PDB file of N, CA and C in Angstrom:
ATOM      1  N   UNK A   1     -11.222 -63.428 -23.577  1.00  0.00           N
ATOM      2  CA  UNK A   1     -10.471 -63.014 -22.407  1.00  0.00           C
ATOM      3  C   UNK A   1     -10.397 -64.164 -21.404  1.00  0.00           C
ATOM      4  N   UNK A   2      -9.232 -64.356 -20.858  1.00  0.00           N
ATOM      5  CA  UNK A   2      -9.063 -65.421 -19.881  1.00  0.00           C
ATOM      6  C   UNK A   2      -9.739 -65.041 -18.572  1.00  0.00           C
ATOM      7  N   UNK A   3     -10.246 -66.049 -17.860  1.00  0.00           N
ATOM      8  CA  UNK A   3     -10.750 -65.733 -16.531  1.00  0.00           C
ATOM      9  C   UNK A   3      -9.561 -65.562 -15.593  1.00  0.00           C
ATOM     10  N   UNK A   4      -9.822 -65.013 -14.444  1.00  0.00           N
ATOM     11  CA  UNK A   4      -8.741 -64.619 -13.540  1.00  0.00           C
ATOM     12  C   UNK A   4      -7.922 -65.798 -13.045  1.00  0.00           C
ATOM     13  N   UNK A   5      -8.557 -66.948 -12.815  1.00  0.00           N
ATOM     14  CA  UNK A   5      -7.813 -68.120 -12.351  1.00  0.00           C
ATOM     15  C   UNK A   5      -6.914 -68.680 -13.445  1.00  0.00           C
ATOM     16  N   UNK A   6      -7.336 -68.587 -14.699  1.00  0.00           N
ATOM     17  CA  UNK A   6      -6.487 -69.016 -15.809  1.00  0.00           C
ATOM     18  C   UNK A   6      -5.271 -68.102 -15.948  1.00  0.00           C
ATOM     19  N   UNK A   7      -5.507 -66.807 -15.758  1.00  0.00           N
ATOM     20  CA  UNK A   7      -4.398 -65.851 -15.812  1.00  0.00           C
ATOM     21  C   UNK A   7      -3.407 -66.135 -14.683  1.00  0.00           C
ATOM     22  N   UNK A   8      -3.920 -66.451 -13.520  1.00  0.00           N
ATOM     23  CA  UNK A   8      -3.059 -66.763 -12.386  1.00  0.00           C
ATOM     24  C   UNK A   8      -2.265 -68.036 -12.640  1.00  0.00           C
ATOM     25  N   UNK A   9      -2.920 -69.026 -13.204  1.00  0.00           N
ATOM     26  CA  UNK A   9      -2.262 -70.300 -13.494  1.00  0.00           C
ATOM     27  C   UNK A   9      -1.144 -70.136 -14.534  1.00  0.00           C
ATOM     28  N   UNK A  10      -1.297 -69.159 -15.412  1.00  0.00           N
ATOM     29  CA  UNK A  10      -0.311 -68.944 -16.476  1.00  0.00           C
ATOM     30  C   UNK A  10       0.949 -68.216 -15.989  1.00  0.00           C
ATOM     31  N   UNK A  11       0.901 -67.632 -14.793  1.00  0.00           N
ATOM     32  CA  UNK A  11       2.084 -66.931 -14.273  1.00  0.00           C
ATOM     33  C   UNK A  11       3.217 -67.915 -14.022  1.00  0.00           C
ATOM     34  N   UNK A  12       4.404 -67.505 -14.376  1.00  0.00           N
ATOM     35  CA  UNK A  12       5.599 -68.321 -14.131  1.00  0.00           C
ATOM     36  C   UNK A  12       6.548 -67.523 -13.251  1.00  0.00           C
ATOM     37  N   UNK A  13       6.760 -68.011 -12.055  1.00  0.00           N
ATOM     38  CA  UNK A  13       7.648 -67.364 -11.101  1.00  0.00           C
ATOM     39  C   UNK A  13       8.654 -68.379 -10.582  1.00  0.00           C
ATOM     40  N   UNK A  14       9.769 -67.918 -10.023  1.00  0.00           N
ATOM     41  CA  UNK A  14      10.769 -68.846  -9.484  1.00  0.00           C
ATOM     42  C   UNK A  14      10.139 -69.791  -8.445  1.00  0.00           C
ATOM     43  N   UNK A  15      10.506 -71.060  -8.495  1.00  0.00           N
ATOM     44  CA  UNK A  15       9.919 -72.048  -7.578  1.00  0.00           C
ATOM     45  C   UNK A  15      10.069 -71.685  -6.100  1.00  0.00           C
ATOM     46  N   UNK A  16      11.179 -71.084  -5.734  1.00  0.00           N
ATOM     47  CA  UNK A  16      11.381 -70.735  -4.330  1.00  0.00           C
ATOM     48  C   UNK A  16      10.391 -69.660  -3.869  1.00  0.00           C
ATOM     49  N   UNK A  17      10.115 -68.686  -4.728  1.00  0.00           N
ATOM     50  CA  UNK A  17       9.111 -67.664  -4.405  1.00  0.00           C
ATOM     51  C   UNK A  17       7.740 -68.299  -4.223  1.00  0.00           C
ATOM     52  N   UNK A  18       7.373 -69.179  -5.135  1.00  0.00           N
ATOM     53  CA  UNK A  18       6.056 -69.806  -5.064  1.00  0.00           C
ATOM     54  C   UNK A  18       5.947 -70.760  -3.870  1.00  0.00           C
ATOM     55  N   UNK A  19       7.024 -71.428  -3.549  1.00  0.00           N
ATOM     56  CA  UNK A  19       7.009 -72.320  -2.384  1.00  0.00           C
ATOM     57  C   UNK A  19       6.795 -71.509  -1.108  1.00  0.00           C
ATOM     58  N   UNK A  20       7.479 -70.386  -0.994  1.00  0.00           N
ATOM     59  CA  UNK A  20       7.307 -69.508   0.165  1.00  0.00           C
ATOM     60  C   UNK A  20       5.866 -68.998   0.230  1.00  0.00           C
ATOM     61  N   UNK A  21       5.297 -68.660  -0.920  1.00  0.00           N
ATOM     62  CA  UNK A  21       3.914 -68.166  -0.958  1.00  0.00           C
ATOM     63  C   UNK A  21       2.922 -69.248  -0.528  1.00  0.00           C
ATOM     64  N   UNK A  22       3.123 -70.467  -0.985  1.00  0.00           N
ATOM     65  CA  UNK A  22       2.209 -71.552  -0.593  1.00  0.00           C
ATOM     66  C   UNK A  22       2.295 -71.848   0.902  1.00  0.00           C
ATOM     67  N   UNK A  23       3.498 -71.811   1.432  1.00  0.00           N
ATOM     68  CA  UNK A  23       3.671 -72.052   2.866  1.00  0.00           C
ATOM     69  C   UNK A  23       3.011 -70.921   3.664  1.00  0.00           C
ATOM     70  N   UNK A  24       3.233 -69.695   3.232  1.00  0.00           N
ATOM     71  CA  UNK A  24       2.644 -68.552   3.917  1.00  0.00           C
ATOM     72  C   UNK A  24       1.135 -68.489   3.796  1.00  0.00           C
ATOM     73  N   UNK A  25       0.591 -69.000   2.708  1.00  0.00           N
ATOM     74  CA  UNK A  25      -0.854 -68.943   2.479  1.00  0.00           C
ATOM     75  C   UNK A  25      -1.636 -69.793   3.475  1.00  0.00           C
ATOM     76  N   UNK A  26      -0.963 -70.719   4.125  1.00  0.00           N
ATOM     77  CA  UNK A  26      -1.632 -71.545   5.142  1.00  0.00           C
ATOM     78  C   UNK A  26      -2.168 -70.648   6.262  1.00  0.00           C
ATOM     79  N   UNK A  27      -1.437 -69.592   6.598  1.00  0.00           N
ATOM     80  CA  UNK A  27      -1.834 -68.679   7.670  1.00  0.00           C
ATOM     81  C   UNK A  27      -2.472 -67.390   7.149  1.00  0.00           C
ATOM     82  N   UNK A  28      -2.857 -67.369   5.883  1.00  0.00           N
ATOM     83  CA  UNK A  28      -3.428 -66.168   5.278  1.00  0.00           C
ATOM     84  C   UNK A  28      -4.779 -65.845   5.904  1.00  0.00           C
ATOM     85  N   UNK A  29      -4.904 -64.583   6.343  1.00  0.00           N
ATOM     86  CA  UNK A  29      -6.184 -64.081   6.845  1.00  0.00           C
ATOM     87  C   UNK A  29      -6.495 -62.796   6.093  1.00  0.00           C
ATOM     88  N   UNK A  30      -7.530 -62.858   5.326  1.00  0.00           N
ATOM     89  CA  UNK A  30      -7.926 -61.767   4.438  1.00  0.00           C
ATOM     90  C   UNK A  30      -8.052 -60.435   5.170  1.00  0.00           C
ATOM     91  N   UNK A  31      -8.712 -60.444   6.317  1.00  0.00           N
ATOM     92  CA  UNK A  31      -8.978 -59.195   7.043  1.00  0.00           C
ATOM     93  C   UNK A  31      -7.708 -58.550   7.583  1.00  0.00           C
ATOM     94  N   UNK A  32      -6.657 -59.318   7.743  1.00  0.00           N
ATOM     95  CA  UNK A  32      -5.390 -58.788   8.248  1.00  0.00           C
ATOM     96  C   UNK A  32      -4.441 -58.430   7.113  1.00  0.00           C
ATOM     97  N   UNK A  33      -4.317 -59.305   6.139  1.00  0.00           N
ATOM     98  CA  UNK A  33      -3.316 -59.140   5.094  1.00  0.00           C
ATOM     99  C   UNK A  33      -3.720 -58.181   3.977  1.00  0.00           C
ATOM    100  N   UNK A  34      -4.972 -58.262   3.525  1.00  0.00           N
ATOM    101  CA  UNK A  34      -5.374 -57.432   2.379  1.00  0.00           C
ATOM    102  C   UNK A  34      -5.301 -55.935   2.636  1.00  0.00           C
ATOM    103  N   UNK A  35      -5.779 -55.437   3.774  1.00  0.00           N
ATOM    104  CA  UNK A  35      -5.700 -53.987   3.973  1.00  0.00           C
ATOM    105  C   UNK A  35      -4.261 -53.459   3.916  1.00  0.00           C
ATOM    106  N   UNK A  36      -3.331 -54.235   4.411  1.00  0.00           N
ATOM    107  CA  UNK A  36      -1.937 -53.806   4.392  1.00  0.00           C
ATOM    108  C   UNK A  36      -1.418 -53.696   2.954  1.00  0.00           C
ATOM    109  N   UNK A  37      -1.911 -54.547   2.068  1.00  0.00           N
ATOM    110  CA  UNK A  37      -1.431 -54.568   0.689  1.00  0.00           C
ATOM    111  C   UNK A  37      -2.219 -53.644  -0.237  1.00  0.00           C
ATOM    112  N   UNK A  38      -3.545 -53.588  -0.035  1.00  0.00           N
ATOM    113  CA  UNK A  38      -4.400 -52.845  -0.962  1.00  0.00           C
ATOM    114  C   UNK A  38      -4.892 -51.525  -0.408  1.00  0.00           C
ATOM    115  N   UNK A  39      -4.643 -51.270   0.854  1.00  0.00           N
ATOM    116  CA  UNK A  39      -5.128 -50.041   1.473  1.00  0.00           C
ATOM    117  C   UNK A  39      -6.319 -50.341   2.370  1.00  0.00           C
ATOM    118  N   UNK A  40      -6.468 -49.517   3.349  1.00  0.00           N
ATOM    119  CA  UNK A  40      -7.526 -49.735   4.334  1.00  0.00           C
ATOM    120  C   UNK A  40      -8.850 -49.221   3.802  1.00  0.00           C
ATOM    121  N   UNK A  41      -9.923 -49.752   4.327  1.00  0.00           N
ATOM    122  CA  UNK A  41     -11.266 -49.405   3.889  1.00  0.00           C
ATOM    123  C   UNK A  41     -12.027 -50.693   3.620  1.00  0.00           C
ATOM    124  N   UNK A  42     -13.051 -50.580   2.811  1.00  0.00           N
ATOM    125  CA  UNK A  42     -13.873 -51.743   2.472  1.00  0.00           C
ATOM    126  C   UNK A  42     -13.050 -52.698   1.607  1.00  0.00           C
ATOM    127  N   UNK A  43     -13.045 -53.961   1.996  1.00  0.00           N
ATOM    128  CA  UNK A  43     -12.298 -54.960   1.223  1.00  0.00           C
ATOM    129  C   UNK A  43     -13.045 -55.300  -0.058  1.00  0.00           C
ATOM    130  N   UNK A  44     -12.325 -55.390  -1.171  1.00  0.00           N
ATOM    131  CA  UNK A  44     -12.978 -55.763  -2.430  1.00  0.00           C
ATOM    132  C   UNK A  44     -13.371 -57.241  -2.432  1.00  0.00           C
ATOM    133  N   UNK A  45     -14.235 -57.605  -3.350  1.00  0.00           N
ATOM    134  CA  UNK A  45     -14.590 -59.024  -3.511  1.00  0.00           C
ATOM    135  C   UNK A  45     -13.353 -59.805  -3.896  1.00  0.00           C
ATOM    136  N   UNK A  46     -13.445 -61.117  -3.780  1.00  0.00           N
ATOM    137  CA  UNK A  46     -12.273 -61.967  -4.009  1.00  0.00           C
ATOM    138  C   UNK A  46     -11.689 -61.796  -5.414  1.00  0.00           C
ATOM    139  N   UNK A  47     -12.525 -61.777  -6.434  1.00  0.00           N
ATOM    140  CA  UNK A  47     -12.040 -61.635  -7.802  1.00  0.00           C
ATOM    141  C   UNK A  47     -11.365 -60.294  -8.032  1.00  0.00           C
ATOM    142  N   UNK A  48     -11.981 -59.230  -7.539  1.00  0.00           N
ATOM    143  CA  UNK A  48     -11.407 -57.890  -7.692  1.00  0.00           C
ATOM    144  C   UNK A  48     -10.107 -57.769  -6.909  1.00  0.00           C
ATOM    145  N   UNK A  49     -10.075 -58.343  -5.716  1.00  0.00           N
ATOM    146  CA  UNK A  49      -8.855 -58.313  -4.905  1.00  0.00           C
ATOM    147  C   UNK A  49      -7.738 -59.066  -5.612  1.00  0.00           C
ATOM    148  N   UNK A  50      -8.064 -60.221  -6.159  1.00  0.00           N
ATOM    149  CA  UNK A  50      -7.053 -61.019  -6.852  1.00  0.00           C
ATOM    150  C   UNK A  50      -6.516 -60.280  -8.072  1.00  0.00           C
ATOM    151  N   UNK A  51      -7.391 -59.606  -8.793  1.00  0.00           N
ATOM    152  CA  UNK A  51      -6.952 -58.844  -9.960  1.00  0.00           C
ATOM    153  C   UNK A  51      -6.003 -57.717  -9.548  1.00  0.00           C
ATOM    154  N   UNK A  52      -6.343 -56.987  -8.494  1.00  0.00           N
ATOM    155  CA  UNK A  52      -5.469 -55.903  -8.014  1.00  0.00           C
ATOM    156  C   UNK A  52      -4.142 -56.459  -7.511  1.00  0.00           C
ATOM    157  N   UNK A  53      -4.194 -57.595  -6.834  1.00  0.00           N
ATOM    158  CA  UNK A  53      -2.959 -58.225  -6.359  1.00  0.00           C
ATOM    159  C   UNK A  53      -2.078 -58.650  -7.525  1.00  0.00           C
ATOM    160  N   UNK A  54      -2.695 -59.151  -8.599  1.00  0.00           N
ATOM    161  CA  UNK A  54      -1.929 -59.557  -9.775  1.00  0.00           C
ATOM    162  C   UNK A  54      -1.249 -58.349 -10.429  1.00  0.00           C
ATOM    163  N   UNK A  55      -1.925 -57.204 -10.431  1.00  0.00           N
ATOM    164  CA  UNK A  55      -1.306 -55.990 -10.965  1.00  0.00           C
ATOM    165  C   UNK A  55      -0.107 -55.578 -10.110  1.00  0.00           C
ATOM    166  N   UNK A  56      -0.279 -55.612  -8.793  1.00  0.00           N
ATOM    167  CA  UNK A  56       0.823 -55.297  -7.876  1.00  0.00           C
ATOM    168  C   UNK A  56       1.990 -56.253  -8.079  1.00  0.00           C
ATOM    169  N   UNK A  57       1.677 -57.526  -8.183  1.00  0.00           N
ATOM    170  CA  UNK A  57       2.717 -58.540  -8.336  1.00  0.00           C
ATOM    171  C   UNK A  57       3.452 -58.367  -9.655  1.00  0.00           C
ATOM    172  N   UNK A  58       2.747 -57.987 -10.697  1.00  0.00           N
ATOM    173  CA  UNK A  58       3.391 -57.740 -11.989  1.00  0.00           C
ATOM    174  C   UNK A  58       4.419 -56.623 -11.900  1.00  0.00           C
ATOM    175  N   UNK A  59       4.075 -55.569 -11.176  1.00  0.00           N
ATOM    176  CA  UNK A  59       5.015 -54.469 -10.965  1.00  0.00           C
ATOM    177  C   UNK A  59       6.229 -54.941 -10.173  1.00  0.00           C
ATOM    178  N   UNK A  60       5.967 -55.701  -9.105  1.00  0.00           N
ATOM    179  CA  UNK A  60       7.068 -56.218  -8.292  1.00  0.00           C
ATOM    180  C   UNK A  60       7.965 -57.155  -9.093  1.00  0.00           C
ATOM    181  N   UNK A  61       7.359 -57.981  -9.929  1.00  0.00           N
ATOM    182  CA  UNK A  61       8.153 -58.902 -10.738  1.00  0.00           C
ATOM    183  C   UNK A  61       9.012 -58.150 -11.750  1.00  0.00           C
ATOM    184  N   UNK A  62       8.470 -57.089 -12.313  1.00  0.00           N
ATOM    185  CA  UNK A  62       9.261 -56.264 -13.234  1.00  0.00           C
ATOM    186  C   UNK A  62      10.456 -55.645 -12.511  1.00  0.00           C
ATOM    187  N   UNK A  63      10.230 -55.189 -11.290  1.00  0.00           N
ATOM    188  CA  UNK A  63      11.330 -54.643 -10.496  1.00  0.00           C
ATOM    189  C   UNK A  63      12.372 -55.716 -10.221  1.00  0.00           C
ATOM    190  N   UNK A  64      11.917 -56.910  -9.913  1.00  0.00           N
ATOM    191  CA  UNK A  64      12.837 -58.021  -9.631  1.00  0.00           C
ATOM    192  C   UNK A  64      13.697 -58.330 -10.847  1.00  0.00           C
ATOM    193  N   UNK A  65      13.066 -58.405 -12.000  1.00  0.00           N
ATOM    194  CA  UNK A  65      13.785 -58.764 -13.225  1.00  0.00           C
ATOM    195  C   UNK A  65      14.752 -57.681 -13.683  1.00  0.00           C
ATOM    196  N   UNK A  66      14.437 -56.435 -13.372  1.00  0.00           N
ATOM    197  CA  UNK A  66      15.311 -55.340 -13.806  1.00  0.00           C
ATOM    198  C   UNK A  66      16.325 -54.941 -12.736  1.00  0.00           C
ATOM    199  N   UNK A  67      16.403 -55.705 -11.661  1.00  0.00           N
ATOM    200  CA  UNK A  67      17.327 -55.407 -10.561  1.00  0.00           C
ATOM    201  C   UNK A  67      17.123 -53.999 -10.016  1.00  0.00           C
ATOM    202  N   UNK A  68      15.882 -53.585  -9.953  1.00  0.00           N
ATOM    203  CA  UNK A  68      15.528 -52.277  -9.403  1.00  0.00           C
ATOM    204  C   UNK A  68      15.884 -52.246  -7.921  1.00  0.00           C
ATOM    205  N   UNK A  69      16.521 -51.168  -7.487  1.00  0.00           N
ATOM    206  CA  UNK A  69      16.932 -51.083  -6.084  1.00  0.00           C
ATOM    207  C   UNK A  69      15.760 -50.911  -5.129  1.00  0.00           C
ATOM    208  N   UNK A  70      14.596 -50.520  -5.634  1.00  0.00           N
ATOM    209  CA  UNK A  70      13.422 -50.367  -4.775  1.00  0.00           C
ATOM    210  C   UNK A  70      12.657 -51.687  -4.598  1.00  0.00           C
ATOM    211  N   UNK A  71      13.113 -52.747  -5.252  1.00  0.00           N
ATOM    212  CA  UNK A  71      12.450 -54.050  -5.151  1.00  0.00           C
ATOM    213  C   UNK A  71      12.535 -54.583  -3.721  1.00  0.00           C
ATOM    214  N   UNK A  72      11.392 -55.074  -3.225  1.00  0.00           N
ATOM    215  CA  UNK A  72      11.332 -55.662  -1.890  1.00  0.00           C
ATOM    216  C   UNK A  72      10.882 -57.115  -2.001  1.00  0.00           C
ATOM    217  N   UNK A  73      11.785 -58.022  -1.686  1.00  0.00           N
ATOM    218  CA  UNK A  73      11.465 -59.446  -1.715  1.00  0.00           C
ATOM    219  C   UNK A  73      10.352 -59.771  -0.720  1.00  0.00           C
ATOM    220  N   UNK A  74      10.403 -59.149   0.442  1.00  0.00           N
ATOM    221  CA  UNK A  74       9.388 -59.409   1.469  1.00  0.00           C
ATOM    222  C   UNK A  74       8.008 -58.991   0.969  1.00  0.00           C
ATOM    223  N   UNK A  75       7.910 -57.831   0.372  1.00  0.00           N
ATOM    224  CA  UNK A  75       6.614 -57.380  -0.166  1.00  0.00           C
ATOM    225  C   UNK A  75       6.154 -58.296  -1.291  1.00  0.00           C
ATOM    226  N   UNK A  76       7.078 -58.736  -2.128  1.00  0.00           N
ATOM    227  CA  UNK A  76       6.730 -59.636  -3.218  1.00  0.00           C
ATOM    228  C   UNK A  76       6.133 -60.935  -2.666  1.00  0.00           C
ATOM    229  N   UNK A  77       6.773 -61.507  -1.669  1.00  0.00           N
ATOM    230  CA  UNK A  77       6.258 -62.742  -1.066  1.00  0.00           C
ATOM    231  C   UNK A  77       4.910 -62.477  -0.398  1.00  0.00           C
ATOM    232  N   UNK A  78       4.752 -61.331   0.272  1.00  0.00           N
ATOM    233  CA  UNK A  78       3.466 -60.980   0.886  1.00  0.00           C
ATOM    234  C   UNK A  78       2.342 -60.935  -0.156  1.00  0.00           C
ATOM    235  N   UNK A  79       2.631 -60.313  -1.288  1.00  0.00           N
ATOM    236  CA  UNK A  79       1.621 -60.216  -2.351  1.00  0.00           C
ATOM    237  C   UNK A  79       1.318 -61.605  -2.916  1.00  0.00           C
ATOM    238  N   UNK A  80       2.336 -62.421  -3.115  1.00  0.00           N
ATOM    239  CA  UNK A  80       2.110 -63.782  -3.614  1.00  0.00           C
ATOM    240  C   UNK A  80       1.302 -64.612  -2.623  1.00  0.00           C
ATOM    241  N   UNK A  81       1.561 -64.455  -1.333  1.00  0.00           N
ATOM    242  CA  UNK A  81       0.786 -65.156  -0.306  1.00  0.00           C
ATOM    243  C   UNK A  81      -0.684 -64.772  -0.420  1.00  0.00           C
ATOM    244  N   UNK A  82      -0.941 -63.473  -0.533  1.00  0.00           N
ATOM    245  CA  UNK A  82      -2.323 -63.012  -0.667  1.00  0.00           C
ATOM    246  C   UNK A  82      -2.965 -63.536  -1.953  1.00  0.00           C
ATOM    247  N   UNK A  83      -2.197 -63.577  -3.030  1.00  0.00           N
ATOM    248  CA  UNK A  83      -2.732 -64.103  -4.284  1.00  0.00           C
ATOM    249  C   UNK A  83      -3.122 -65.574  -4.144  1.00  0.00           C
ATOM    250  N   UNK A  84      -2.253 -66.363  -3.548  1.00  0.00           N
ATOM    251  CA  UNK A  84      -2.547 -67.786  -3.359  1.00  0.00           C
ATOM    252  C   UNK A  84      -3.755 -67.948  -2.446  1.00  0.00           C
ATOM    253  N   UNK A  85      -3.802 -67.182  -1.366  1.00  0.00           N
ATOM    254  CA  UNK A  85      -4.933 -67.261  -0.437  1.00  0.00           C
ATOM    255  C   UNK A  85      -6.248 -66.885  -1.090  1.00  0.00           C
ATOM    256  N   UNK A  86      -6.251 -65.785  -1.834  1.00  0.00           N
ATOM    257  CA  UNK A  86      -7.470 -65.359  -2.519  1.00  0.00           C
ATOM    258  C   UNK A  86      -7.890 -66.354  -3.594  1.00  0.00           C
ATOM    259  N   UNK A  87      -6.926 -66.903  -4.314  1.00  0.00           N
ATOM    260  CA  UNK A  87      -7.245 -67.893  -5.348  1.00  0.00           C
ATOM    261  C   UNK A  87      -7.862 -69.147  -4.733  1.00  0.00           C
ATOM    262  N   UNK A  88      -7.361 -69.559  -3.581  1.00  0.00           N
ATOM    263  CA  UNK A  88      -7.938 -70.736  -2.913  1.00  0.00           C
ATOM    264  C   UNK A  88      -9.386 -70.491  -2.538  1.00  0.00           C
ATOM    265  N   UNK A  89      -9.673 -69.314  -2.000  1.00  0.00           N
ATOM    266  CA  UNK A  89     -11.049 -68.978  -1.614  1.00  0.00           C
ATOM    267  C   UNK A  89     -11.930 -68.907  -2.853  1.00  0.00           C
ATOM    268  N   UNK A  90     -11.415 -68.306  -3.911  1.00  0.00           N
ATOM    269  CA  UNK A  90     -12.167 -68.168  -5.152  1.00  0.00           C
ATOM    270  C   UNK A  90     -12.473 -69.534  -5.767  1.00  0.00           C
ATOM    271  N   UNK A  91     -11.488 -70.421  -5.776  1.00  0.00           N
ATOM    272  CA  UNK A  91     -11.719 -71.772  -6.300  1.00  0.00           C
ATOM    273  C   UNK A  91     -12.740 -72.517  -5.456  1.00  0.00           C
ATOM    274  N   UNK A  92     -12.648 -72.376  -4.137  1.00  0.00           N
ATOM    275  CA  UNK A  92     -13.564 -73.083  -3.241  1.00  0.00           C
ATOM    276  C   UNK A  92     -15.005 -72.587  -3.417  1.00  0.00           C
ATOM    277  N   UNK A  93     -15.161 -71.288  -3.710  1.00  0.00           N
ATOM    278  CA  UNK A  93     -16.507 -70.756  -3.886  1.00  0.00           C
ATOM    279  C   UNK A  93     -17.068 -71.049  -5.273  1.00  0.00           C
ATOM    280  N   UNK A  94     -16.178 -71.324  -6.222  1.00  0.00           N
ATOM    281  CA  UNK A  94     -16.614 -71.670  -7.574  1.00  0.00           C
ATOM    282  C   UNK A  94     -17.044 -70.483  -8.397  1.00  0.00           C
ATOM    283  N   UNK A  95     -16.705 -69.263  -7.963  1.00  0.00           N
ATOM    284  CA  UNK A  95     -17.056 -68.063  -8.729  1.00  0.00           C
ATOM    285  C   UNK A  95     -15.805 -67.302  -9.096  1.00  0.00           C
ATOM    286  N   UNK A  96     -15.932 -66.428 -10.101  1.00  0.00           N
ATOM    287  CA  UNK A  96     -14.834 -65.538 -10.484  1.00  0.00           C
ATOM    288  C   UNK A  96     -15.332 -64.178 -10.456  1.00  0.00           C
TER     289      UNK A  96
END
């Protein structure tokens, strides 16, 4: 089984989406952004949060590819920002 950072690295998304996510990740604050995306309450650890974000992003990407009318570009970028932010923290801590 791949570790979570390898799975994240293997994702292929449009360059413009990823560029927006990297720019937004500069201002990423876990305590503000994660509850809005994952629900309020106790925040999960970085690895668990990243895994849940990847599941959310997979659903959003499927909606994007199928031209689903419920697809939200803003939410997709928000989730990607959180994924990039969490991955940076996870890499810096050296744990998965």
